[in-house]
N, C-alpha and C. Protein backbone atom coordinates (compact mmCIF):
# COMPACT_ATOMS: atom_id res chain seq x y z
N VAL A 1 -39.15 63.32 33.53
CA VAL A 1 -39.64 65.09 33.69
C VAL A 1 -38.92 65.85 32.87
N ALA A 2 -37.75 65.76 32.11
CA ALA A 2 -36.88 66.56 31.09
C ALA A 2 -37.64 65.82 29.75
N GLY A 3 -38.29 65.36 29.63
CA GLY A 3 -38.96 65.30 28.51
C GLY A 3 -40.25 65.65 28.61
N ALA A 4 -41.41 65.64 29.52
CA ALA A 4 -42.14 66.45 29.50
C ALA A 4 -41.87 68.27 29.72
N ALA A 5 -41.01 68.82 29.84
CA ALA A 5 -40.36 69.88 29.71
C ALA A 5 -40.54 70.26 28.56
N LEU A 6 -39.90 69.60 27.58
CA LEU A 6 -39.23 69.31 26.12
C LEU A 6 -39.84 69.54 25.28
N GLN A 7 -41.72 68.53 26.11
CA GLN A 7 -42.67 69.02 25.48
C GLN A 7 -44.36 70.16 25.89
N SER A 8 -43.75 70.81 26.68
CA SER A 8 -44.52 72.05 27.27
C SER A 8 -44.76 73.10 26.27
N GLY A 9 -43.72 73.27 25.15
CA GLY A 9 -43.97 74.35 23.76
C GLY A 9 -43.08 75.52 25.09
N LYS A 10 -41.79 75.70 26.36
CA LYS A 10 -41.78 76.90 26.66
C LYS A 10 -40.25 76.30 26.49
N PRO A 11 -39.71 77.77 26.47
CA PRO A 11 -38.25 77.85 26.75
C PRO A 11 -37.45 76.07 28.07
N VAL A 12 -36.57 75.82 27.92
CA VAL A 12 -35.55 75.04 28.48
C VAL A 12 -34.74 74.72 28.50
N LEU A 13 -34.21 74.64 29.83
CA LEU A 13 -32.60 74.58 30.90
C LEU A 13 -32.89 73.29 31.48
N LEU A 14 -31.40 72.61 30.43
CA LEU A 14 -31.28 70.98 31.05
C LEU A 14 -30.41 71.15 32.49
N ASP A 15 -30.02 70.90 32.89
CA ASP A 15 -29.27 70.44 33.78
C ASP A 15 -28.81 69.22 34.64
N ALA A 16 -27.99 69.20 35.12
CA ALA A 16 -27.84 67.89 36.00
C ALA A 16 -28.81 66.67 35.94
N ASP A 17 -29.04 65.93 36.73
CA ASP A 17 -30.57 65.09 36.35
C ASP A 17 -30.83 65.05 35.73
N ALA A 18 -31.22 65.75 34.81
CA ALA A 18 -31.92 66.05 33.65
C ALA A 18 -30.56 65.76 32.52
N LEU A 19 -29.88 65.91 32.61
CA LEU A 19 -28.81 65.90 31.49
C LEU A 19 -28.50 63.82 31.78
N THR A 20 -28.12 63.66 32.66
CA THR A 20 -28.06 62.47 33.33
C THR A 20 -29.14 61.70 32.86
N ALA A 21 -30.07 61.81 32.91
CA ALA A 21 -30.92 60.99 32.61
C ALA A 21 -31.02 60.95 31.46
N PHE A 22 -30.39 61.26 30.24
CA PHE A 22 -30.05 61.00 28.53
C PHE A 22 -28.39 60.45 28.80
N ALA A 23 -28.11 59.81 29.40
CA ALA A 23 -27.11 59.66 29.28
C ALA A 23 -27.11 57.92 28.42
N ASP A 24 -27.72 56.99 28.80
CA ASP A 24 -27.84 56.19 28.07
C ASP A 24 -27.85 56.09 26.51
N ASP A 25 -28.50 57.38 26.48
CA ASP A 25 -29.70 57.27 25.33
C ASP A 25 -29.11 59.25 24.47
N PRO A 26 -28.18 59.83 24.49
CA PRO A 26 -27.78 61.52 24.23
C PRO A 26 -29.15 61.44 23.12
N ALA A 27 -28.61 60.31 22.12
CA ALA A 27 -29.41 60.48 20.53
C ALA A 27 -30.77 61.46 20.81
N HIS A 28 -31.31 60.18 21.91
CA HIS A 28 -32.56 60.84 22.11
C HIS A 28 -32.99 62.16 22.66
N LEU A 29 -31.99 62.17 23.80
CA LEU A 29 -32.46 63.75 24.22
C LEU A 29 -32.12 64.83 22.57
N ALA A 30 -30.97 64.19 21.65
CA ALA A 30 -30.49 65.02 20.67
C ALA A 30 -32.16 65.58 19.73
N ARG A 31 -33.27 64.25 19.78
CA ARG A 31 -34.41 64.23 18.90
C ARG A 31 -35.17 65.57 19.69
N LEU A 32 -35.55 64.93 20.60
CA LEU A 32 -36.40 65.74 21.53
C LEU A 32 -36.11 67.67 21.33
N ILE A 33 -35.16 68.03 22.00
CA ILE A 33 -34.42 69.23 21.15
C ILE A 33 -34.84 69.45 20.02
N ARG A 34 -34.57 68.99 19.01
CA ARG A 34 -34.38 69.47 17.88
C ARG A 34 -36.35 69.23 17.28
N ARG A 35 -37.03 68.57 18.18
CA ARG A 35 -38.12 68.70 18.04
C ARG A 35 -39.22 69.69 18.64
N HIS A 36 -38.34 70.77 19.71
CA HIS A 36 -38.62 71.69 20.03
C HIS A 36 -38.41 72.62 19.48
N ASP A 37 -40.01 73.60 19.71
CA ASP A 37 -39.83 75.16 19.23
C ASP A 37 -39.45 76.34 19.69
N ARG A 38 -38.33 75.98 21.10
CA ARG A 38 -38.12 76.58 21.62
C ARG A 38 -36.87 76.70 22.25
N PRO A 39 -36.71 77.85 22.20
CA PRO A 39 -34.55 77.58 22.99
C PRO A 39 -34.41 76.32 24.21
N VAL A 40 -33.58 75.76 23.81
CA VAL A 40 -33.13 74.91 25.16
C VAL A 40 -31.85 75.22 25.33
N ILE A 41 -31.71 75.35 26.53
CA ILE A 41 -29.87 75.46 26.38
C ILE A 41 -29.90 74.22 28.01
N LEU A 42 -28.02 74.09 27.12
CA LEU A 42 -27.90 72.03 27.92
C LEU A 42 -27.07 73.74 29.25
N THR A 43 -26.65 72.51 29.83
CA THR A 43 -25.36 73.43 31.47
C THR A 43 -24.23 72.28 31.96
N PRO A 44 -24.38 71.10 31.18
CA PRO A 44 -23.49 70.76 31.79
C PRO A 44 -22.11 71.04 32.56
N HIS A 45 -21.71 70.08 33.74
CA HIS A 45 -20.29 69.87 33.60
C HIS A 45 -19.43 69.26 33.02
N ASP A 46 -18.07 69.07 33.51
CA ASP A 46 -17.71 68.07 31.61
C ASP A 46 -17.67 66.68 32.34
N GLY A 47 -18.28 65.95 33.47
CA GLY A 47 -18.70 64.55 33.35
C GLY A 47 -20.04 64.50 33.34
N GLU A 48 -20.35 65.42 33.23
CA GLU A 48 -21.64 65.23 32.08
C GLU A 48 -21.67 65.95 30.70
N PHE A 49 -21.56 66.31 30.41
CA PHE A 49 -20.77 66.58 29.24
C PHE A 49 -19.85 65.87 28.47
N ALA A 50 -19.17 65.03 29.52
CA ALA A 50 -18.41 63.79 28.54
C ALA A 50 -19.67 62.22 28.53
N ARG A 51 -20.73 62.18 29.82
CA ARG A 51 -21.12 61.50 29.32
C ARG A 51 -22.10 61.47 28.67
N LEU A 52 -22.53 62.63 28.12
CA LEU A 52 -23.43 62.81 26.67
C LEU A 52 -22.61 62.43 25.13
N PHE A 53 -21.79 62.93 25.49
CA PHE A 53 -21.36 63.43 24.06
C PHE A 53 -19.37 62.77 24.34
N PRO A 54 -19.52 61.15 24.69
CA PRO A 54 -18.59 60.85 25.09
C PRO A 54 -17.46 61.05 24.08
N ASP A 55 -17.43 60.81 22.23
CA ASP A 55 -16.55 61.00 21.35
C ASP A 55 -16.29 62.66 21.53
N LEU A 56 -16.38 63.57 22.14
CA LEU A 56 -15.93 65.03 21.06
C LEU A 56 -14.92 64.68 22.27
N ALA A 57 -13.59 65.35 21.51
CA ALA A 57 -12.03 65.53 22.16
C ALA A 57 -11.94 67.27 21.95
N GLY A 58 -11.11 67.66 22.42
CA GLY A 58 -10.71 68.75 22.07
C GLY A 58 -10.55 69.97 22.93
N ASN A 59 -11.01 71.13 22.29
CA ASN A 59 -10.89 72.92 24.14
C ASN A 59 -12.57 72.09 23.33
N ARG A 60 -12.19 72.67 24.64
CA ARG A 60 -13.98 73.24 25.34
C ARG A 60 -14.58 74.14 24.33
N LEU A 61 -14.86 75.36 23.22
CA LEU A 61 -15.50 75.32 22.38
C LEU A 61 -15.77 74.76 22.15
N LEU A 62 -14.45 74.03 20.87
CA LEU A 62 -15.01 72.91 19.73
C LEU A 62 -15.38 72.25 19.48
N ARG A 63 -15.83 71.16 21.45
CA ARG A 63 -16.26 70.63 22.26
C ARG A 63 -18.14 71.12 22.15
N ALA A 64 -17.99 72.04 22.73
CA ALA A 64 -19.79 72.93 22.18
C ALA A 64 -20.02 72.99 21.82
N GLN A 65 -19.56 73.79 20.39
CA GLN A 65 -19.84 73.87 19.30
C GLN A 65 -20.49 72.87 18.35
N GLU A 66 -19.23 71.69 18.48
CA GLU A 66 -20.22 70.41 17.84
C GLU A 66 -21.78 69.35 18.81
N ALA A 67 -21.45 70.27 19.95
CA ALA A 67 -22.58 68.87 20.89
C ALA A 67 -23.51 70.52 20.31
N ALA A 68 -23.51 70.84 20.11
CA ALA A 68 -24.78 72.89 19.80
C ALA A 68 -25.30 72.11 18.31
N ALA A 69 -24.39 71.30 17.63
CA ALA A 69 -24.55 71.45 16.04
C ALA A 69 -25.71 70.12 15.94
N ARG A 70 -24.79 69.01 17.10
CA ARG A 70 -25.91 67.73 16.76
C ARG A 70 -26.93 67.97 17.50
N THR A 71 -27.13 69.06 18.76
CA THR A 71 -28.16 68.63 19.31
C THR A 71 -29.27 69.85 18.96
N GLY A 72 -28.82 70.49 17.52
CA GLY A 72 -30.02 72.13 17.62
C GLY A 72 -29.68 73.21 18.26
């Protein structure tokens, strides 16, 4: 479902299970986001964020900035 939303040509907000669906392949999510020509907003809680970006540590702002840079 998240993949279809990212192919819709409309702005997309991804949360909860839409994010968890990419926990095994966060790079795939990043590729889909980079190809999407509309705004994409991710709203993970700390657990979802850790599943998508397990290698990011430090303060919340720096982690968010790095995640944004990775996903575009």
